[in-house]
């Protein structure tokens, strides 16, 4: 099947207290192929929305890689992100 979205070891940490962090997403890897049906379930506060926002490139991950149709979009420039959001 044709790969649509691929995440490798995605992490998103938010600053909480001085020198402490909340691990909203910690080491998630997944692949979604074209025509796949994908669901993301979990308890409240488990990082579903954060992961979704990272996948849509609305927020940056702390670390990890994001591929869209085989292209690494992890470090895409903010201007390009803005243009993609407005498409």
PDB file of N, CA and C in Angstrom:
ATOM      1  N   UNK A   1       0.831  -1.194   0.000  1.00  0.00           N
ATOM      2  CA  UNK A   1       0.000   0.000   0.000  1.00  0.00           C
ATOM      3  C   UNK A   1       0.873   1.253   0.000  1.00  0.00           C
ATOM      4  N   UNK A   2       0.321   2.316  -0.505  1.00  0.00           N
ATOM      5  CA  UNK A   2       1.037   3.591  -0.582  1.00  0.00           C
ATOM      6  C   UNK A   2       1.002   4.305   0.773  1.00  0.00           C
ATOM      7  N   UNK A   3       2.188   4.639   1.253  1.00  0.00           N
ATOM      8  CA  UNK A   3       2.324   5.331   2.537  1.00  0.00           C
ATOM      9  C   UNK A   3       1.845   6.774   2.420  1.00  0.00           C
ATOM     10  N   UNK A   4       0.990   7.188   3.348  1.00  0.00           N
ATOM     11  CA  UNK A   4       0.492   8.555   3.352  1.00  0.00           C
ATOM     12  C   UNK A   4       1.180   9.374   4.447  1.00  0.00           C
ATOM     13  N   UNK A   5       1.082   8.918   5.679  1.00  0.00           N
ATOM     14  CA  UNK A   5       1.700   9.600   6.820  1.00  0.00           C
ATOM     15  C   UNK A   5       2.497   8.596   7.627  1.00  0.00           C
ATOM     16  N   UNK A   6       3.688   8.989   8.018  1.00  0.00           N
ATOM     17  CA  UNK A   6       4.525   8.136   8.853  1.00  0.00           C
ATOM     18  C   UNK A   6       5.132   8.985   9.965  1.00  0.00           C
ATOM     19  N   UNK A   7       5.007   8.521  11.186  1.00  0.00           N
ATOM     20  CA  UNK A   7       5.607   9.176  12.345  1.00  0.00           C
ATOM     21  C   UNK A   7       6.659   8.250  12.926  1.00  0.00           C
ATOM     22  N   UNK A   8       7.810   8.821  13.281  1.00  0.00           N
ATOM     23  CA  UNK A   8       8.886   8.031  13.895  1.00  0.00           C
ATOM     24  C   UNK A   8       9.294   8.659  15.218  1.00  0.00           C
ATOM     25  N   UNK A   9       9.062   7.928  16.297  1.00  0.00           N
ATOM     26  CA  UNK A   9       9.513   8.329  17.637  1.00  0.00           C
ATOM     27  C   UNK A   9       9.143   9.777  17.978  1.00  0.00           C
ATOM     28  N   UNK A  10       7.881  10.125  17.769  1.00  0.00           N
ATOM     29  CA  UNK A  10       7.413  11.483  18.045  1.00  0.00           C
ATOM     30  C   UNK A  10       7.296  11.702  19.550  1.00  0.00           C
ATOM     31  N   UNK A  11       7.861  12.815  19.994  1.00  0.00           N
ATOM     32  CA  UNK A  11       7.773  13.224  21.394  1.00  0.00           C
ATOM     33  C   UNK A  11       7.345  14.685  21.443  1.00  0.00           C
ATOM     34  N   UNK A  12       6.507  14.995  22.419  1.00  0.00           N
ATOM     35  CA  UNK A  12       6.129  16.383  22.670  1.00  0.00           C
ATOM     36  C   UNK A  12       6.094  16.590  24.175  1.00  0.00           C
ATOM     37  N   UNK A  13       7.014  17.415  24.653  1.00  0.00           N
ATOM     38  CA  UNK A  13       7.108  17.740  26.069  1.00  0.00           C
ATOM     39  C   UNK A  13       6.764  19.212  26.243  1.00  0.00           C
ATOM     40  N   UNK A  14       5.920  19.504  27.226  1.00  0.00           N
ATOM     41  CA  UNK A  14       5.561  20.879  27.546  1.00  0.00           C
ATOM     42  C   UNK A  14       6.210  21.279  28.862  1.00  0.00           C
ATOM     43  N   UNK A  15       6.783  22.488  28.928  1.00  0.00           N
ATOM     44  CA  UNK A  15       7.350  22.957  30.199  1.00  0.00           C
ATOM     45  C   UNK A  15       6.248  23.039  31.254  1.00  0.00           C
ATOM     46  N   UNK A  16       6.561  22.647  32.470  1.00  0.00           N
ATOM     47  CA  UNK A  16       5.564  22.669  33.529  1.00  0.00           C
ATOM     48  C   UNK A  16       6.057  23.507  34.694  1.00  0.00           C
ATOM     49  N   UNK A  17       6.981  23.010  35.449  1.00  0.00           N
ATOM     50  CA  UNK A  17       7.606  23.767  36.524  1.00  0.00           C
ATOM     51  C   UNK A  17       9.052  23.994  36.134  1.00  0.00           C
ATOM     52  N   UNK A  18       9.724  24.766  36.917  1.00  0.00           N
ATOM     53  CA  UNK A  18      11.128  25.040  36.628  1.00  0.00           C
ATOM     54  C   UNK A  18      11.888  23.725  36.476  1.00  0.00           C
ATOM     55  N   UNK A  19      12.454  23.509  35.307  1.00  0.00           N
ATOM     56  CA  UNK A  19      13.255  22.324  34.975  1.00  0.00           C
ATOM     57  C   UNK A  19      12.443  21.027  34.969  1.00  0.00           C
ATOM     58  N   UNK A  20      11.113  21.107  34.827  1.00  0.00           N
ATOM     59  CA  UNK A  20      10.276  19.910  34.726  1.00  0.00           C
ATOM     60  C   UNK A  20       9.397  20.016  33.482  1.00  0.00           C
ATOM     61  N   UNK A  21       8.980  18.861  32.977  1.00  0.00           N
ATOM     62  CA  UNK A  21       8.177  18.817  31.761  1.00  0.00           C
ATOM     63  C   UNK A  21       7.041  17.814  31.900  1.00  0.00           C
ATOM     64  N   UNK A  22       5.963  18.068  31.176  1.00  0.00           N
ATOM     65  CA  UNK A  22       4.875  17.110  31.029  1.00  0.00           C
ATOM     66  C   UNK A  22       5.097  16.409  29.701  1.00  0.00           C
ATOM     67  N   UNK A  23       5.139  15.089  29.722  1.00  0.00           N
ATOM     68  CA  UNK A  23       5.318  14.302  28.498  1.00  0.00           C
ATOM     69  C   UNK A  23       3.935  14.020  27.904  1.00  0.00           C
ATOM     70  N   UNK A  24       3.502  14.890  26.997  1.00  0.00           N
ATOM     71  CA  UNK A  24       2.184  14.732  26.378  1.00  0.00           C
ATOM     72  C   UNK A  24       2.184  13.576  25.381  1.00  0.00           C
ATOM     73  N   UNK A  25       3.264  13.443  24.631  1.00  0.00           N
ATOM     74  CA  UNK A  25       3.452  12.354  23.665  1.00  0.00           C
ATOM     75  C   UNK A  25       4.887  11.885  23.845  1.00  0.00           C
ATOM     76  N   UNK A  26       5.073  10.578  23.976  1.00  0.00           N
ATOM     77  CA  UNK A  26       6.412  10.079  24.307  1.00  0.00           C
ATOM     78  C   UNK A  26       6.782   8.852  23.478  1.00  0.00           C
ATOM     79  N   UNK A  27       7.377   9.087  22.318  1.00  0.00           N
ATOM     80  CA  UNK A  27       7.906   7.999  21.503  1.00  0.00           C
ATOM     81  C   UNK A  27       6.892   7.269  20.646  1.00  0.00           C
ATOM     82  N   UNK A  28       5.968   7.996  20.031  1.00  0.00           N
ATOM     83  CA  UNK A  28       4.935   7.378  19.194  1.00  0.00           C
ATOM     84  C   UNK A  28       5.442   7.211  17.762  1.00  0.00           C
ATOM     85  N   UNK A  29       5.299   6.000  17.240  1.00  0.00           N
ATOM     86  CA  UNK A  29       5.606   5.699  15.838  1.00  0.00           C
ATOM     87  C   UNK A  29       4.383   5.035  15.221  1.00  0.00           C
ATOM     88  N   UNK A  30       4.028   5.451  14.014  1.00  0.00           N
ATOM     89  CA  UNK A  30       2.912   4.815  13.313  1.00  0.00           C
ATOM     90  C   UNK A  30       2.990   5.141  11.836  1.00  0.00           C
ATOM     91  N   UNK A  31       2.258   4.373  11.066  1.00  0.00           N
ATOM     92  CA  UNK A  31       2.180   4.602   9.624  1.00  0.00           C
ATOM     93  C   UNK A  31       0.728   4.476   9.200  1.00  0.00           C
ATOM     94  N   UNK A  32       0.270   5.439   8.417  1.00  0.00           N
ATOM     95  CA  UNK A  32      -1.074   5.404   7.856  1.00  0.00           C
ATOM     96  C   UNK A  32      -0.920   5.364   6.343  1.00  0.00           C
ATOM     97  N   UNK A  33      -1.477   4.336   5.745  1.00  0.00           N
ATOM     98  CA  UNK A  33      -1.403   4.177   4.296  1.00  0.00           C
ATOM     99  C   UNK A  33      -2.623   4.795   3.630  1.00  0.00           C
ATOM    100  N   UNK A  34      -2.473   5.102   2.349  1.00  0.00           N
ATOM    101  CA  UNK A  34      -3.583   5.630   1.569  1.00  0.00           C
ATOM    102  C   UNK A  34      -4.753   4.655   1.659  1.00  0.00           C
ATOM    103  N   UNK A  35      -5.930   5.196   1.861  1.00  0.00           N
ATOM    104  CA  UNK A  35      -7.189   4.456   1.971  1.00  0.00           C
ATOM    105  C   UNK A  35      -7.366   3.726   3.296  1.00  0.00           C
ATOM    106  N   UNK A  36      -6.439   3.888   4.222  1.00  0.00           N
ATOM    107  CA  UNK A  36      -6.620   3.321   5.564  1.00  0.00           C
ATOM    108  C   UNK A  36      -7.683   4.115   6.312  1.00  0.00           C
ATOM    109  N   UNK A  37      -8.367   3.442   7.201  1.00  0.00           N
ATOM    110  CA  UNK A  37      -9.250   4.100   8.156  1.00  0.00           C
ATOM    111  C   UNK A  37      -8.502   4.079   9.475  1.00  0.00           C
ATOM    112  N   UNK A  38      -8.350   5.244  10.080  1.00  0.00           N
ATOM    113  CA  UNK A  38      -7.508   5.371  11.268  1.00  0.00           C
ATOM    114  C   UNK A  38      -8.308   5.988  12.405  1.00  0.00           C
ATOM    115  N   UNK A  39      -8.215   5.402  13.565  1.00  0.00           N
ATOM    116  CA  UNK A  39      -8.844   5.943  14.764  1.00  0.00           C
ATOM    117  C   UNK A  39      -7.819   6.034  15.875  1.00  0.00           C
ATOM    118  N   UNK A  40      -7.925   7.052  16.677  1.00  0.00           N
ATOM    119  CA  UNK A  40      -7.007   7.256  17.793  1.00  0.00           C
ATOM    120  C   UNK A  40      -7.849   7.393  19.051  1.00  0.00           C
ATOM    121  N   UNK A  41      -7.713   6.444  19.953  1.00  0.00           N
ATOM    122  CA  UNK A  41      -8.512   6.447  21.179  1.00  0.00           C
ATOM    123  C   UNK A  41      -7.604   6.413  22.399  1.00  0.00           C
ATOM    124  N   UNK A  42      -8.120   6.907  23.490  1.00  0.00           N
ATOM    125  CA  UNK A  42      -7.371   6.896  24.739  1.00  0.00           C
ATOM    126  C   UNK A  42      -8.090   7.721  25.786  1.00  0.00           C
ATOM    127  N   UNK A  43      -7.597   7.633  26.991  1.00  0.00           N
ATOM    128  CA  UNK A  43      -8.189   8.362  28.102  1.00  0.00           C
ATOM    129  C   UNK A  43      -7.977   9.860  27.943  1.00  0.00           C
ATOM    130  N   UNK A  44      -8.759  10.618  28.664  1.00  0.00           N
ATOM    131  CA  UNK A  44      -8.602  12.065  28.695  1.00  0.00           C
ATOM    132  C   UNK A  44      -7.194  12.418  29.162  1.00  0.00           C
ATOM    133  N   UNK A  45      -6.552  13.312  28.429  1.00  0.00           N
ATOM    134  CA  UNK A  45      -5.204  13.736  28.801  1.00  0.00           C
ATOM    135  C   UNK A  45      -4.099  12.809  28.352  1.00  0.00           C
ATOM    136  N   UNK A  46      -4.416  11.864  27.464  1.00  0.00           N
ATOM    137  CA  UNK A  46      -3.400  10.890  27.041  1.00  0.00           C
ATOM    138  C   UNK A  46      -2.578  11.346  25.832  1.00  0.00           C
ATOM    139  N   UNK A  47      -2.882  12.522  25.270  1.00  0.00           N
ATOM    140  CA  UNK A  47      -2.077  13.057  24.175  1.00  0.00           C
ATOM    141  C   UNK A  47      -2.677  12.925  22.791  1.00  0.00           C
ATOM    142  N   UNK A  48      -3.934  12.518  22.696  1.00  0.00           N
ATOM    143  CA  UNK A  48      -4.568  12.332  21.379  1.00  0.00           C
ATOM    144  C   UNK A  48      -4.605  13.628  20.568  1.00  0.00           C
ATOM    145  N   UNK A  49      -5.088  14.688  21.179  1.00  0.00           N
ATOM    146  CA  UNK A  49      -5.186  15.967  20.475  1.00  0.00           C
ATOM    147  C   UNK A  49      -3.808  16.499  20.124  1.00  0.00           C
ATOM    148  N   UNK A  50      -2.876  16.377  21.048  1.00  0.00           N
ATOM    149  CA  UNK A  50      -1.506  16.832  20.789  1.00  0.00           C
ATOM    150  C   UNK A  50      -0.911  16.079  19.610  1.00  0.00           C
ATOM    151  N   UNK A  51      -1.078  14.761  19.580  1.00  0.00           N
ATOM    152  CA  UNK A  51      -0.558  13.971  18.465  1.00  0.00           C
ATOM    153  C   UNK A  51      -1.231  14.375  17.154  1.00  0.00           C
ATOM    154  N   UNK A  52      -2.532  14.583  17.184  1.00  0.00           N
ATOM    155  CA  UNK A  52      -3.249  15.027  15.987  1.00  0.00           C
ATOM    156  C   UNK A  52      -2.745  16.365  15.477  1.00  0.00           C
ATOM    157  N   UNK A  53      -2.493  17.291  16.387  1.00  0.00           N
ATOM    158  CA  UNK A  53      -1.983  18.610  15.991  1.00  0.00           C
ATOM    159  C   UNK A  53      -0.578  18.503  15.411  1.00  0.00           C
ATOM    160  N   UNK A  54       0.218  17.584  15.945  1.00  0.00           N
ATOM    161  CA  UNK A  54       1.557  17.351  15.389  1.00  0.00           C
ATOM    162  C   UNK A  54       1.441  16.745  13.989  1.00  0.00           C
ATOM    163  N   UNK A  55       0.543  15.772  13.829  1.00  0.00           N
ATOM    164  CA  UNK A  55       0.361  15.130  12.527  1.00  0.00           C
ATOM    165  C   UNK A  55      -0.089  16.132  11.469  1.00  0.00           C
ATOM    166  N   UNK A  56      -0.917  17.081  11.860  1.00  0.00           N
ATOM    167  CA  UNK A  56      -1.388  18.110  10.929  1.00  0.00           C
ATOM    168  C   UNK A  56      -0.400  19.259  10.796  1.00  0.00           C
ATOM    169  N   UNK A  57       0.688  19.146  11.528  1.00  0.00           N
ATOM    170  CA  UNK A  57       1.769  20.136  11.514  1.00  0.00           C
ATOM    171  C   UNK A  57       1.298  21.498  12.007  1.00  0.00           C
ATOM    172  N   UNK A  58       0.367  21.497  12.968  1.00  0.00           N
ATOM    173  CA  UNK A  58      -0.098  22.736  13.583  1.00  0.00           C
ATOM    174  C   UNK A  58       0.808  23.147  14.734  1.00  0.00           C
ATOM    175  N   UNK A  59       1.463  22.167  15.358  1.00  0.00           N
ATOM    176  CA  UNK A  59       2.470  22.435  16.385  1.00  0.00           C
ATOM    177  C   UNK A  59       3.690  21.575  16.080  1.00  0.00           C
ATOM    178  N   UNK A  60       4.826  21.997  16.580  1.00  0.00           N
ATOM    179  CA  UNK A  60       6.065  21.243  16.385  1.00  0.00           C
ATOM    180  C   UNK A  60       6.216  20.190  17.466  1.00  0.00           C
ATOM    181  N   UNK A  61       6.801  19.078  17.104  1.00  0.00           N
ATOM    182  CA  UNK A  61       7.137  18.058  18.093  1.00  0.00           C
ATOM    183  C   UNK A  61       8.446  18.446  18.768  1.00  0.00           C
ATOM    184  N   UNK A  62       8.676  17.888  19.941  1.00  0.00           N
ATOM    185  CA  UNK A  62       9.947  18.095  20.635  1.00  0.00           C
ATOM    186  C   UNK A  62      11.049  17.350  19.900  1.00  0.00           C
ATOM    187  N   UNK A  63      10.732  16.139  19.451  1.00  0.00           N
ATOM    188  CA  UNK A  63      11.671  15.354  18.652  1.00  0.00           C
ATOM    189  C   UNK A  63      10.897  14.328  17.844  1.00  0.00           C
ATOM    190  N   UNK A  64      11.593  13.683  16.928  1.00  0.00           N
ATOM    191  CA  UNK A  64      10.979  12.688  16.062  1.00  0.00           C
ATOM    192  C   UNK A  64      10.894  13.191  14.630  1.00  0.00           C
ATOM    193  N   UNK A  65      10.368  12.338  13.766  1.00  0.00           N
ATOM    194  CA  UNK A  65      10.278  12.662  12.339  1.00  0.00           C
ATOM    195  C   UNK A  65       8.858  12.455  11.836  1.00  0.00           C
ATOM    196  N   UNK A  66       8.450  13.321  10.911  1.00  0.00           N
ATOM    197  CA  UNK A  66       7.131  13.244  10.293  1.00  0.00           C
ATOM    198  C   UNK A  66       7.318  13.218   8.782  1.00  0.00           C
ATOM    199  N   UNK A  67       6.706  12.230   8.143  1.00  0.00           N
ATOM    200  CA  UNK A  67       6.772  12.111   6.689  1.00  0.00           C
ATOM    201  C   UNK A  67       5.359  12.165   6.123  1.00  0.00           C
ATOM    202  N   UNK A  68       5.197  12.899   5.020  1.00  0.00           N
ATOM    203  CA  UNK A  68       3.939  12.955   4.293  1.00  0.00           C
ATOM    204  C   UNK A  68       4.226  12.550   2.855  1.00  0.00           C
ATOM    205  N   UNK A  69       3.627  11.456   2.431  1.00  0.00           N
ATOM    206  CA  UNK A  69       3.863  10.892   1.095  1.00  0.00           C
ATOM    207  C   UNK A  69       5.354  10.714   0.835  1.00  0.00           C
ATOM    208  N   UNK A  70       6.076  10.267   1.849  1.00  0.00           N
ATOM    209  CA  UNK A  70       7.501   9.991   1.724  1.00  0.00           C
ATOM    210  C   UNK A  70       8.412  11.188   1.907  1.00  0.00           C
ATOM    211  N   UNK A  71       7.850  12.395   1.976  1.00  0.00           N
ATOM    212  CA  UNK A  71       8.646  13.616   2.130  1.00  0.00           C
ATOM    213  C   UNK A  71       8.758  13.972   3.609  1.00  0.00           C
ATOM    214  N   UNK A  72       9.973  14.212   4.065  1.00  0.00           N
ATOM    215  CA  UNK A  72      10.206  14.602   5.454  1.00  0.00           C
ATOM    216  C   UNK A  72       9.730  16.038   5.647  1.00  0.00           C
ATOM    217  N   UNK A  73       8.677  16.211   6.430  1.00  0.00           N
ATOM    218  CA  UNK A  73       8.141  17.552   6.686  1.00  0.00           C
ATOM    219  C   UNK A  73       8.413  17.996   8.119  1.00  0.00           C
ATOM    220  N   UNK A  74       9.292  17.295   8.800  1.00  0.00           N
ATOM    221  CA  UNK A  74       9.565  17.572  10.208  1.00  0.00           C
ATOM    222  C   UNK A  74      10.005  19.004  10.435  1.00  0.00           C
ATOM    223  N   UNK A  75      10.903  19.483   9.639  1.00  0.00           N
ATOM    224  CA  UNK A  75      11.494  20.806   9.874  1.00  0.00           C
ATOM    225  C   UNK A  75      11.087  21.836   8.819  1.00  0.00           C
ATOM    226  N   UNK A  76       9.897  21.681   8.295  1.00  0.00           N
ATOM    227  CA  UNK A  76       9.411  22.618   7.290  1.00  0.00           C
ATOM    228  C   UNK A  76       9.356  24.030   7.898  1.00  0.00           C
ATOM    229  N   UNK A  77       9.642  25.018   7.107  1.00  0.00           N
ATOM    230  CA  UNK A  77       9.692  26.396   7.596  1.00  0.00           C
ATOM    231  C   UNK A  77       8.302  26.897   7.983  1.00  0.00           C
ATOM    232  N   UNK A  78       8.265  27.798   8.951  1.00  0.00           N
ATOM    233  CA  UNK A  78       7.000  28.347   9.446  1.00  0.00           C
ATOM    234  C   UNK A  78       6.181  29.011   8.337  1.00  0.00           C
ATOM    235  N   UNK A  79       6.819  29.703   7.408  1.00  0.00           N
ATOM    236  CA  UNK A  79       6.101  30.349   6.311  1.00  0.00           C
ATOM    237  C   UNK A  79       5.395  29.302   5.459  1.00  0.00           C
ATOM    238  N   UNK A  80       6.085  28.207   5.175  1.00  0.00           N
ATOM    239  CA  UNK A  80       5.476  27.134   4.387  1.00  0.00           C
ATOM    240  C   UNK A  80       4.306  26.521   5.137  1.00  0.00           C
ATOM    241  N   UNK A  81       4.440  26.358   6.457  1.00  0.00           N
ATOM    242  CA  UNK A  81       3.345  25.830   7.272  1.00  0.00           C
ATOM    243  C   UNK A  81       2.128  26.730   7.152  1.00  0.00           C
ATOM    244  N   UNK A  82       2.355  28.023   7.268  1.00  0.00           N
ATOM    245  CA  UNK A  82       1.272  28.996   7.183  1.00  0.00           C
ATOM    246  C   UNK A  82       0.569  28.898   5.836  1.00  0.00           C
ATOM    247  N   UNK A  83       1.335  28.774   4.773  1.00  0.00           N
ATOM    248  CA  UNK A  83       0.759  28.668   3.438  1.00  0.00           C
ATOM    249  C   UNK A  83      -0.054  27.384   3.302  1.00  0.00           C
ATOM    250  N   UNK A  84       0.437  26.281   3.863  1.00  0.00           N
ATOM    251  CA  UNK A  84      -0.278  25.007   3.764  1.00  0.00           C
ATOM    252  C   UNK A  84      -1.593  25.062   4.530  1.00  0.00           C
ATOM    253  N   UNK A  85      -1.603  25.742   5.682  1.00  0.00           N
ATOM    254  CA  UNK A  85      -2.821  25.855   6.482  1.00  0.00           C
ATOM    255  C   UNK A  85      -3.906  26.612   5.735  1.00  0.00           C
ATOM    256  N   UNK A  86      -3.500  27.564   4.907  1.00  0.00           N
ATOM    257  CA  UNK A  86      -4.462  28.410   4.209  1.00  0.00           C
ATOM    258  C   UNK A  86      -4.890  27.853   2.860  1.00  0.00           C
ATOM    259  N   UNK A  87      -4.466  26.657   2.507  1.00  0.00           N
ATOM    260  CA  UNK A  87      -4.831  26.057   1.223  1.00  0.00           C
ATOM    261  C   UNK A  87      -6.267  25.582   1.251  1.00  0.00           C
TER     262      UNK A  87
END
